[in-house]
């Protein structure tokens, strides 16, 4: 199972600012009907804002429209599992 069942949220500043700081886990960016773009880990709010601001040109070019996330204490293992399962286009390596 990729991410827990949830409603995907639009990849917008307003939605990201609604996330409480300090929530650590994994997140996935995707293009609606177009596939997975990127899976990452860390402070979810901080990392998503960095991506929205264009910190990774590959992610910016792919134009993600939505994201999902999961809070987890074992971010490394969860990120690796998600990358292997989802094969996002902008992840260069696993882990």
PDB file of N, CA and C in Angstrom:
ATOM      1  N   UNK A   1       0.851  -1.180   0.000  1.00  0.00           N
ATOM      2  CA  UNK A   1       0.000   0.000   0.000  1.00  0.00           C
ATOM      3  C   UNK A   1       0.894   1.240   0.000  1.00  0.00           C
ATOM      4  N   UNK A   2       0.738   2.125  -0.980  1.00  0.00           N
ATOM      5  CA  UNK A   2       1.618   3.286  -1.068  1.00  0.00           C
ATOM      6  C   UNK A   2       1.508   4.212   0.151  1.00  0.00           C
ATOM      7  N   UNK A   3       0.524   5.045   0.202  1.00  0.00           N
ATOM      8  CA  UNK A   3       0.263   5.941   1.321  1.00  0.00           C
ATOM      9  C   UNK A   3      -1.065   5.542   1.945  1.00  0.00           C
ATOM     10  N   UNK A   4      -1.272   5.841   3.231  1.00  0.00           N
ATOM     11  CA  UNK A   4      -2.590   5.569   3.821  1.00  0.00           C
ATOM     12  C   UNK A   4      -3.678   6.291   3.025  1.00  0.00           C
ATOM     13  N   UNK A   5      -4.858   5.704   2.984  1.00  0.00           N
ATOM     14  CA  UNK A   5      -5.970   6.306   2.240  1.00  0.00           C
ATOM     15  C   UNK A   5      -6.250   7.701   2.792  1.00  0.00           C
ATOM     16  N   UNK A   6      -6.289   8.666   1.887  1.00  0.00           N
ATOM     17  CA  UNK A   6      -6.509  10.065   2.256  1.00  0.00           C
ATOM     18  C   UNK A   6      -6.889  10.842   1.012  1.00  0.00           C
ATOM     19  N   UNK A   7      -7.454  12.006   1.214  1.00  0.00           N
ATOM     20  CA  UNK A   7      -7.733  12.894   0.092  1.00  0.00           C
ATOM     21  C   UNK A   7      -6.449  13.641  -0.243  1.00  0.00           C
ATOM     22  N   UNK A   8      -6.051  13.569  -1.495  1.00  0.00           N
ATOM     23  CA  UNK A   8      -4.878  14.326  -1.934  1.00  0.00           C
ATOM     24  C   UNK A   8      -5.199  15.812  -1.840  1.00  0.00           C
ATOM     25  N   UNK A   9      -4.178  16.581  -1.512  1.00  0.00           N
ATOM     26  CA  UNK A   9      -4.348  18.024  -1.400  1.00  0.00           C
ATOM     27  C   UNK A   9      -3.603  18.704  -2.541  1.00  0.00           C
ATOM     28  N   UNK A  10      -4.177  19.791  -3.016  1.00  0.00           N
ATOM     29  CA  UNK A  10      -3.526  20.550  -4.089  1.00  0.00           C
ATOM     30  C   UNK A  10      -2.191  21.085  -3.575  1.00  0.00           C
ATOM     31  N   UNK A  11      -1.189  21.049  -4.429  1.00  0.00           N
ATOM     32  CA  UNK A  11       0.159  21.495  -4.103  1.00  0.00           C
ATOM     33  C   UNK A  11       0.205  23.017  -4.205  1.00  0.00           C
ATOM     34  N   UNK A  12      -0.353  23.676  -3.175  1.00  0.00           N
ATOM     35  CA  UNK A  12      -0.437  25.135  -3.139  1.00  0.00           C
ATOM     36  C   UNK A  12       0.133  25.652  -1.825  1.00  0.00           C
ATOM     37  N   UNK A  13       0.541  26.893  -1.846  1.00  0.00           N
ATOM     38  CA  UNK A  13       1.078  27.528  -0.637  1.00  0.00           C
ATOM     39  C   UNK A  13       0.071  27.477   0.509  1.00  0.00           C
ATOM     40  N   UNK A  14      -1.179  27.784   0.233  1.00  0.00           N
ATOM     41  CA  UNK A  14      -2.201  27.804   1.290  1.00  0.00           C
ATOM     42  C   UNK A  14      -2.346  26.434   1.946  1.00  0.00           C
ATOM     43  N   UNK A  15      -2.379  25.384   1.159  1.00  0.00           N
ATOM     44  CA  UNK A  15      -2.509  24.040   1.728  1.00  0.00           C
ATOM     45  C   UNK A  15      -1.276  23.655   2.540  1.00  0.00           C
ATOM     46  N   UNK A  16      -0.112  23.981   2.031  1.00  0.00           N
ATOM     47  CA  UNK A  16       1.118  23.634   2.742  1.00  0.00           C
ATOM     48  C   UNK A  16       1.226  24.416   4.043  1.00  0.00           C
ATOM     49  N   UNK A  17       0.858  25.693   4.030  1.00  0.00           N
ATOM     50  CA  UNK A  17       0.905  26.496   5.253  1.00  0.00           C
ATOM     51  C   UNK A  17      -0.067  25.979   6.305  1.00  0.00           C
ATOM     52  N   UNK A  18      -1.062  25.205   5.899  1.00  0.00           N
ATOM     53  CA  UNK A  18      -2.011  24.617   6.840  1.00  0.00           C
ATOM     54  C   UNK A  18      -1.465  23.424   7.608  1.00  0.00           C
ATOM     55  N   UNK A  19      -0.303  22.943   7.212  1.00  0.00           N
ATOM     56  CA  UNK A  19       0.331  21.821   7.906  1.00  0.00           C
ATOM     57  C   UNK A  19       1.063  22.364   9.128  1.00  0.00           C
ATOM     58  N   UNK A  20       0.878  21.740  10.265  1.00  0.00           N
ATOM     59  CA  UNK A  20       1.595  22.162  11.473  1.00  0.00           C
ATOM     60  C   UNK A  20       3.083  21.878  11.323  1.00  0.00           C
ATOM     61  N   UNK A  21       3.933  22.831  11.735  1.00  0.00           N
ATOM     62  CA  UNK A  21       5.377  22.583  11.694  1.00  0.00           C
ATOM     63  C   UNK A  21       5.744  21.416  12.615  1.00  0.00           C
ATOM     64  N   UNK A  22       6.839  20.762  12.303  1.00  0.00           N
ATOM     65  CA  UNK A  22       7.340  19.693  13.157  1.00  0.00           C
ATOM     66  C   UNK A  22       6.716  18.331  12.934  1.00  0.00           C
ATOM     67  N   UNK A  23       5.925  18.187  11.887  1.00  0.00           N
ATOM     68  CA  UNK A  23       5.352  16.875  11.569  1.00  0.00           C
ATOM     69  C   UNK A  23       6.316  16.160  10.630  1.00  0.00           C
ATOM     70  N   UNK A  24       7.016  15.192  11.170  1.00  0.00           N
ATOM     71  CA  UNK A  24       8.021  14.473  10.396  1.00  0.00           C
ATOM     72  C   UNK A  24       7.455  13.201   9.801  1.00  0.00           C
ATOM     73  N   UNK A  25       7.816  12.959   8.572  1.00  0.00           N
ATOM     74  CA  UNK A  25       7.347  11.763   7.897  1.00  0.00           C
ATOM     75  C   UNK A  25       7.750  11.781   6.442  1.00  0.00           C
ATOM     76  N   UNK A  26       6.938  11.120   5.622  1.00  0.00           N
ATOM     77  CA  UNK A  26       7.180  11.039   4.184  1.00  0.00           C
ATOM     78  C   UNK A  26       6.036  11.697   3.430  1.00  0.00           C
ATOM     79  N   UNK A  27       6.345  12.168   2.248  1.00  0.00           N
ATOM     80  CA  UNK A  27       5.340  12.817   1.406  1.00  0.00           C
ATOM     81  C   UNK A  27       5.574  12.400  -0.036  1.00  0.00           C
ATOM     82  N   UNK A  28       4.517  12.474  -0.810  1.00  0.00           N
ATOM     83  CA  UNK A  28       4.606  12.167  -2.219  1.00  0.00           C
ATOM     84  C   UNK A  28       3.973  13.268  -3.038  1.00  0.00           C
ATOM     85  N   UNK A  29       4.679  13.712  -4.056  1.00  0.00           N
ATOM     86  CA  UNK A  29       4.160  14.706  -5.004  1.00  0.00           C
ATOM     87  C   UNK A  29       3.780  13.989  -6.285  1.00  0.00           C
ATOM     88  N   UNK A  30       2.658  14.375  -6.855  1.00  0.00           N
ATOM     89  CA  UNK A  30       2.246  13.738  -8.101  1.00  0.00           C
ATOM     90  C   UNK A  30       1.473  14.697  -8.974  1.00  0.00           C
ATOM     91  N   UNK A  31       1.366  14.321 -10.236  1.00  0.00           N
ATOM     92  CA  UNK A  31       0.564  15.063 -11.203  1.00  0.00           C
ATOM     93  C   UNK A  31      -0.753  14.325 -11.315  1.00  0.00           C
ATOM     94  N   UNK A  32      -1.838  15.030 -11.095  1.00  0.00           N
ATOM     95  CA  UNK A  32      -3.152  14.392 -11.162  1.00  0.00           C
ATOM     96  C   UNK A  32      -3.305  13.682 -12.504  1.00  0.00           C
ATOM     97  N   UNK A  33      -3.548  12.407 -12.475  1.00  0.00           N
ATOM     98  CA  UNK A  33      -3.691  11.552 -13.657  1.00  0.00           C
ATOM     99  C   UNK A  33      -2.397  11.402 -14.445  1.00  0.00           C
ATOM    100  N   UNK A  34      -1.261  11.838 -13.865  1.00  0.00           N
ATOM    101  CA  UNK A  34      -0.026  11.786 -14.627  1.00  0.00           C
ATOM    102  C   UNK A  34       1.112  11.031 -13.972  1.00  0.00           C
ATOM    103  N   UNK A  35       0.932  10.562 -12.771  1.00  0.00           N
ATOM    104  CA  UNK A  35       1.959   9.762 -12.127  1.00  0.00           C
ATOM    105  C   UNK A  35       2.716  10.471 -11.026  1.00  0.00           C
ATOM    106  N   UNK A  36       3.503   9.683 -10.337  1.00  0.00           N
ATOM    107  CA  UNK A  36       4.284  10.150  -9.195  1.00  0.00           C
ATOM    108  C   UNK A  36       5.495  10.932  -9.672  1.00  0.00           C
ATOM    109  N   UNK A  37       5.737  12.064  -9.031  1.00  0.00           N
ATOM    110  CA  UNK A  37       6.852  12.941  -9.362  1.00  0.00           C
ATOM    111  C   UNK A  37       8.008  12.745  -8.381  1.00  0.00           C
ATOM    112  N   UNK A  38       7.706  12.744  -7.079  1.00  0.00           N
ATOM    113  CA  UNK A  38       8.776  12.708  -6.083  1.00  0.00           C
ATOM    114  C   UNK A  38       8.257  12.185  -4.758  1.00  0.00           C
ATOM    115  N   UNK A  39       9.092  11.418  -4.069  1.00  0.00           N
ATOM    116  CA  UNK A  39       8.833  10.975  -2.703  1.00  0.00           C
ATOM    117  C   UNK A  39       9.985  11.475  -1.857  1.00  0.00           C
ATOM    118  N   UNK A  40       9.664  12.111  -0.736  1.00  0.00           N
ATOM    119  CA  UNK A  40      10.699  12.633   0.144  1.00  0.00           C
ATOM    120  C   UNK A  40      10.343  12.429   1.599  1.00  0.00           C
ATOM    121  N   UNK A  41      11.236  12.919   2.466  1.00  0.00           N
ATOM    122  CA  UNK A  41      11.042  12.750   3.905  1.00  0.00           C
ATOM    123  C   UNK A  41      11.546  13.982   4.634  1.00  0.00           C
ATOM    124  N   UNK A  42      11.162  14.107   5.877  1.00  0.00           N
ATOM    125  CA  UNK A  42      11.613  15.212   6.724  1.00  0.00           C
ATOM    126  C   UNK A  42      10.435  15.908   7.355  1.00  0.00           C
ATOM    127  N   UNK A  43      10.650  17.162   7.763  1.00  0.00           N
ATOM    128  CA  UNK A  43       9.552  17.993   8.250  1.00  0.00           C
ATOM    129  C   UNK A  43       8.680  18.283   7.026  1.00  0.00           C
ATOM    130  N   UNK A  44       7.506  17.726   7.000  1.00  0.00           N
ATOM    131  CA  UNK A  44       6.674  17.744   5.788  1.00  0.00           C
ATOM    132  C   UNK A  44       6.386  19.161   5.318  1.00  0.00           C
ATOM    133  N   UNK A  45       6.008  20.042   6.223  1.00  0.00           N
ATOM    134  CA  UNK A  45       5.693  21.421   5.840  1.00  0.00           C
ATOM    135  C   UNK A  45       6.923  22.111   5.239  1.00  0.00           C
ATOM    136  N   UNK A  46       8.045  21.994   5.914  1.00  0.00           N
ATOM    137  CA  UNK A  46       9.279  22.633   5.451  1.00  0.00           C
ATOM    138  C   UNK A  46       9.689  22.116   4.082  1.00  0.00           C
ATOM    139  N   UNK A  47       9.711  20.820   3.912  1.00  0.00           N
ATOM    140  CA  UNK A  47      10.160  20.235   2.646  1.00  0.00           C
ATOM    141  C   UNK A  47       9.215  20.604   1.493  1.00  0.00           C
ATOM    142  N   UNK A  48       7.899  20.539   1.730  1.00  0.00           N
ATOM    143  CA  UNK A  48       6.961  20.889   0.660  1.00  0.00           C
ATOM    144  C   UNK A  48       7.108  22.361   0.262  1.00  0.00           C
ATOM    145  N   UNK A  49       7.311  23.248   1.246  1.00  0.00           N
ATOM    146  CA  UNK A  49       7.504  24.668   0.914  1.00  0.00           C
ATOM    147  C   UNK A  49       8.776  24.861   0.094  1.00  0.00           C
ATOM    148  N   UNK A  50       9.838  24.133   0.439  1.00  0.00           N
ATOM    149  CA  UNK A  50      11.074  24.232  -0.339  1.00  0.00           C
ATOM    150  C   UNK A  50      10.841  23.809  -1.790  1.00  0.00           C
ATOM    151  N   UNK A  51      10.101  22.732  -1.970  1.00  0.00           N
ATOM    152  CA  UNK A  51       9.803  22.273  -3.338  1.00  0.00           C
ATOM    153  C   UNK A  51       8.926  23.284  -4.068  1.00  0.00           C
ATOM    154  N   UNK A  52       7.953  23.839  -3.382  1.00  0.00           N
ATOM    155  CA  UNK A  52       7.072  24.833  -4.009  1.00  0.00           C
ATOM    156  C   UNK A  52       7.875  26.058  -4.455  1.00  0.00           C
ATOM    157  N   UNK A  53       8.894  26.408  -3.687  1.00  0.00           N
ATOM    158  CA  UNK A  53       9.746  27.559  -4.021  1.00  0.00           C
ATOM    159  C   UNK A  53      10.773  27.241  -5.107  1.00  0.00           C
ATOM    160  N   UNK A  54      10.819  25.982  -5.554  1.00  0.00           N
ATOM    161  CA  UNK A  54      11.680  25.630  -6.671  1.00  0.00           C
ATOM    162  C   UNK A  54      13.069  25.147  -6.313  1.00  0.00           C
ATOM    163  N   UNK A  55      13.224  24.520  -5.141  1.00  0.00           N
ATOM    164  CA  UNK A  55      14.553  24.068  -4.726  1.00  0.00           C
ATOM    165  C   UNK A  55      15.110  22.951  -5.608  1.00  0.00           C
ATOM    166  N   UNK A  56      14.249  22.226  -6.290  1.00  0.00           N
ATOM    167  CA  UNK A  56      14.683  21.123  -7.145  1.00  0.00           C
ATOM    168  C   UNK A  56      14.124  21.361  -8.548  1.00  0.00           C
ATOM    169  N   UNK A  57      14.966  21.739  -9.499  1.00  0.00           N
ATOM    170  CA  UNK A  57      14.490  22.052 -10.849  1.00  0.00           C
ATOM    171  C   UNK A  57      13.735  20.895 -11.516  1.00  0.00           C
ATOM    172  N   UNK A  58      14.134  19.657 -11.228  1.00  0.00           N
ATOM    173  CA  UNK A  58      13.439  18.510 -11.822  1.00  0.00           C
ATOM    174  C   UNK A  58      11.990  18.446 -11.351  1.00  0.00           C
ATOM    175  N   UNK A  59      11.783  18.677 -10.057  1.00  0.00           N
ATOM    176  CA  UNK A  59      10.420  18.665  -9.513  1.00  0.00           C
ATOM    177  C   UNK A  59       9.627  19.816 -10.124  1.00  0.00           C
ATOM    178  N   UNK A  60      10.227  20.989 -10.194  1.00  0.00           N
ATOM    179  CA  UNK A  60       9.536  22.157 -10.749  1.00  0.00           C
ATOM    180  C   UNK A  60       9.108  21.891 -12.196  1.00  0.00           C
ATOM    181  N   UNK A  61      10.018  21.331 -13.001  1.00  0.00           N
ATOM    182  CA  UNK A  61       9.691  21.022 -14.404  1.00  0.00           C
ATOM    183  C   UNK A  61       8.562  20.006 -14.521  1.00  0.00           C
ATOM    184  N   UNK A  62       8.519  19.049 -13.603  1.00  0.00           N
ATOM    185  CA  UNK A  62       7.485  18.008 -13.656  1.00  0.00           C
ATOM    186  C   UNK A  62       6.103  18.559 -13.315  1.00  0.00           C
ATOM    187  N   UNK A  63       6.050  19.680 -12.617  1.00  0.00           N
ATOM    188  CA  UNK A  63       4.782  20.351 -12.336  1.00  0.00           C
ATOM    189  C   UNK A  63       3.810  19.572 -11.469  1.00  0.00           C
ATOM    190  N   UNK A  64       4.233  19.130 -10.280  1.00  0.00           N
ATOM    191  CA  UNK A  64       3.290  18.397  -9.431  1.00  0.00           C
ATOM    192  C   UNK A  64       2.067  19.246  -9.103  1.00  0.00           C
ATOM    193  N   UNK A  65       0.933  18.596  -9.036  1.00  0.00           N
ATOM    194  CA  UNK A  65      -0.322  19.300  -8.752  1.00  0.00           C
ATOM    195  C   UNK A  65      -0.891  18.966  -7.382  1.00  0.00           C
ATOM    196  N   UNK A  66      -0.495  17.817  -6.815  1.00  0.00           N
ATOM    197  CA  UNK A  66      -1.067  17.356  -5.552  1.00  0.00           C
ATOM    198  C   UNK A  66      -0.002  16.669  -4.697  1.00  0.00           C
ATOM    199  N   UNK A  67      -0.328  16.501  -3.421  1.00  0.00           N
ATOM    200  CA  UNK A  67       0.559  15.758  -2.528  1.00  0.00           C
ATOM    201  C   UNK A  67      -0.257  14.972  -1.508  1.00  0.00           C
ATOM    202  N   UNK A  68       0.391  13.960  -0.967  1.00  0.00           N
ATOM    203  CA  UNK A  68      -0.129  13.173   0.150  1.00  0.00           C
ATOM    204  C   UNK A  68       1.032  13.002   1.116  1.00  0.00           C
ATOM    205  N   UNK A  69       0.728  12.629   2.356  1.00  0.00           N
ATOM    206  CA  UNK A  69       1.799  12.450   3.326  1.00  0.00           C
ATOM    207  C   UNK A  69       1.434  11.412   4.371  1.00  0.00           C
ATOM    208  N   UNK A  70       2.435  11.030   5.140  1.00  0.00           N
ATOM    209  CA  UNK A  70       2.240  10.104   6.245  1.00  0.00           C
ATOM    210  C   UNK A  70       3.252  10.461   7.332  1.00  0.00           C
ATOM    211  N   UNK A  71       2.770  10.573   8.562  1.00  0.00           N
ATOM    212  CA  UNK A  71       3.637  10.800   9.712  1.00  0.00           C
ATOM    213  C   UNK A  71       4.191   9.443  10.127  1.00  0.00           C
ATOM    214  N   UNK A  72       5.507   9.344  10.261  1.00  0.00           N
ATOM    215  CA  UNK A  72       6.113   8.071  10.624  1.00  0.00           C
ATOM    216  C   UNK A  72       7.441   8.315  11.333  1.00  0.00           C
ATOM    217  N   UNK A  73       7.720   7.533  12.372  1.00  0.00           N
ATOM    218  CA  UNK A  73       8.999   7.687  13.055  1.00  0.00           C
ATOM    219  C   UNK A  73      10.163   7.081  12.261  1.00  0.00           C
ATOM    220  N   UNK A  74       9.865   6.144  11.367  1.00  0.00           N
ATOM    221  CA  UNK A  74      10.914   5.477  10.589  1.00  0.00           C
ATOM    222  C   UNK A  74      10.901   5.993   9.154  1.00  0.00           C
ATOM    223  N   UNK A  75      11.285   7.264   9.015  1.00  0.00           N
ATOM    224  CA  UNK A  75      11.215   7.925   7.707  1.00  0.00           C
ATOM    225  C   UNK A  75      12.105   7.269   6.661  1.00  0.00           C
ATOM    226  N   UNK A  76      13.287   6.831   7.051  1.00  0.00           N
ATOM    227  CA  UNK A  76      14.221   6.270   6.078  1.00  0.00           C
ATOM    228  C   UNK A  76      13.651   5.026   5.410  1.00  0.00           C
ATOM    229  N   UNK A  77      13.172   4.098   6.225  1.00  0.00           N
ATOM    230  CA  UNK A  77      12.623   2.854   5.671  1.00  0.00           C
ATOM    231  C   UNK A  77      11.349   3.114   4.874  1.00  0.00           C
ATOM    232  N   UNK A  78      10.503   4.002   5.365  1.00  0.00           N
ATOM    233  CA  UNK A  78       9.249   4.304   4.670  1.00  0.00           C
ATOM    234  C   UNK A  78       9.523   4.983   3.333  1.00  0.00           C
ATOM    235  N   UNK A  79      10.457   5.933   3.308  1.00  0.00           N
ATOM    236  CA  UNK A  79      10.790   6.608   2.058  1.00  0.00           C
ATOM    237  C   UNK A  79      11.312   5.595   1.037  1.00  0.00           C
ATOM    238  N   UNK A  80      12.203   4.748   1.457  1.00  0.00           N
ATOM    239  CA  UNK A  80      12.775   3.741   0.551  1.00  0.00           C
ATOM    240  C   UNK A  80      11.680   2.843  -0.014  1.00  0.00           C
ATOM    241  N   UNK A  81      10.780   2.372   0.855  1.00  0.00           N
ATOM    242  CA  UNK A  81       9.691   1.500   0.420  1.00  0.00           C
ATOM    243  C   UNK A  81       8.809   2.207  -0.598  1.00  0.00           C
ATOM    244  N   UNK A  82       8.474   3.456  -0.329  1.00  0.00           N
ATOM    245  CA  UNK A  82       7.604   4.210  -1.232  1.00  0.00           C
ATOM    246  C   UNK A  82       8.270   4.463  -2.585  1.00  0.00           C
ATOM    247  N   UNK A  83       9.553   4.781  -2.580  1.00  0.00           N
ATOM    248  CA  UNK A  83      10.268   5.018  -3.838  1.00  0.00           C
ATOM    249  C   UNK A  83      10.292   3.748  -4.681  1.00  0.00           C
ATOM    250  N   UNK A  84      10.601   2.627  -4.050  1.00  0.00           N
ATOM    251  CA  UNK A  84      10.636   1.356  -4.772  1.00  0.00           C
ATOM    252  C   UNK A  84       9.264   1.021  -5.336  1.00  0.00           C
ATOM    253  N   UNK A  85       8.225   1.236  -4.544  1.00  0.00           N
ATOM    254  CA  UNK A  85       6.872   0.878  -4.978  1.00  0.00           C
ATOM    255  C   UNK A  85       6.320   1.831  -6.041  1.00  0.00           C
ATOM    256  N   UNK A  86       6.529   3.133  -5.859  1.00  0.00           N
ATOM    257  CA  UNK A  86       5.876   4.125  -6.720  1.00  0.00           C
ATOM    258  C   UNK A  86       6.714   4.544  -7.931  1.00  0.00           C
ATOM    259  N   UNK A  87       8.032   4.375  -7.862  1.00  0.00           N
ATOM    260  CA  UNK A  87       8.937   4.750  -8.952  1.00  0.00           C
ATOM    261  C   UNK A  87       8.726   6.197  -9.430  1.00  0.00           C
ATOM    262  N   UNK A  88       8.796   7.171  -8.515  1.00  0.00           N
ATOM    263  CA  UNK A  88       8.591   8.560  -8.921  1.00  0.00           C
ATOM    264  C   UNK A  88       9.669   9.033  -9.895  1.00  0.00           C
ATOM    265  N   UNK A  89       9.286   9.856 -10.832  1.00  0.00           N
ATOM    266  CA  UNK A  89      10.177  10.244 -11.923  1.00  0.00           C
ATOM    267  C   UNK A  89      11.371  11.099 -11.491  1.00  0.00           C
ATOM    268  N   UNK A  90      11.284  11.813 -10.389  1.00  0.00           N
ATOM    269  CA  UNK A  90      12.350  12.731  -9.985  1.00  0.00           C
ATOM    270  C   UNK A  90      13.234  12.195  -8.863  1.00  0.00           C
ATOM    271  N   UNK A  91      13.023  11.009  -8.395  1.00  0.00           N
ATOM    272  CA  UNK A  91      13.927  10.423  -7.407  1.00  0.00           C
ATOM    273  C   UNK A  91      15.070   9.757  -8.150  1.00  0.00           C
ATOM    274  N   UNK A  92      16.273  10.208  -7.897  1.00  0.00           N
ATOM    275  CA  UNK A  92      17.455   9.683  -8.589  1.00  0.00           C
ATOM    276  C   UNK A  92      17.958   8.401  -7.961  1.00  0.00           C
ATOM    277  N   UNK A  93      17.712   8.238  -6.661  1.00  0.00           N
ATOM    278  CA  UNK A  93      18.188   7.050  -5.967  1.00  0.00           C
ATOM    279  C   UNK A  93      17.215   6.701  -4.854  1.00  0.00           C
ATOM    280  N   UNK A  94      17.331   5.504  -4.366  1.00  0.00           N
ATOM    281  CA  UNK A  94      16.480   5.060  -3.243  1.00  0.00           C
ATOM    282  C   UNK A  94      17.187   5.437  -1.957  1.00  0.00           C
ATOM    283  N   UNK A  95      16.390   6.059  -1.021  1.00  0.00           N
ATOM    284  CA  UNK A  95      16.943   6.395   0.298  1.00  0.00           C
ATOM    285  C   UNK A  95      17.649   7.639   0.307  1.00  0.00           C
TER     286      UNK A  95
END
